[in-house]
Amino acid sequence: MSKNATRIFGQSKGCRGVRIGLRGQMALLGISGVLVTGAICAAALNCASLVQSASNDSNQFKADVVSLSQSFLESRQIASDFLRKPSEVSIKKYADNYERQLADLSRIEVFVTGLPEDDPLKQATSLRPVIGLYATRFHNLVAAQATSASTKRTDFRASCARPCTPSSNGWQS
């Protein structure tokens, strides 16, 4: 061993074991303290990363639920608008809204699959049939409106096909 190493570790020529001097002990204590502090920091960063990931998932879940709730309200509004004034634009809006509902619900279902079976959020998986039923009702409404419109046109054409003659109280067909 060199003279410097002997001074740091406190080893003498006649000694058989390794004896560490005061400087060596202080150096080892400092190094071990840095290693322990580093390990604690690494564990804390890992824990913080897991918590942040859970927080991000929770925020995304909240955003998906809000979007799904909003699209339910929009579906109702679109159906009401269609009843007042039927148009292809309303049908297209409803179809786009329906696709958005299914996409939101799919993301919600992915989130709740990782939850325990007794968690109340698991009830979100029962919304798919409700969305399908509401879409079926809207399509039935569209079909009924189309049938009603064609019947009205047929009745109007039939009434126009008969000759109208003047009478004492107005026109008669």
Foldseek 3Di string as FASTA:
>chain_A
DDPVVCVQQVDDPVDDDGHRDPNVVVVVVVVVVVVVVVVVVVVVVVVVVVVVVVVVLVVLLVVLVVLLVVLVVVLVVLLVVCVVPNDPVSVVVNVVSLVSNVVSLVSLCVSCVPPDPPDPSNCSVVCPVVSVVSVVVSVVVVVVVVVVVVVVVVVVVVVVVDDWDADPVGIDD
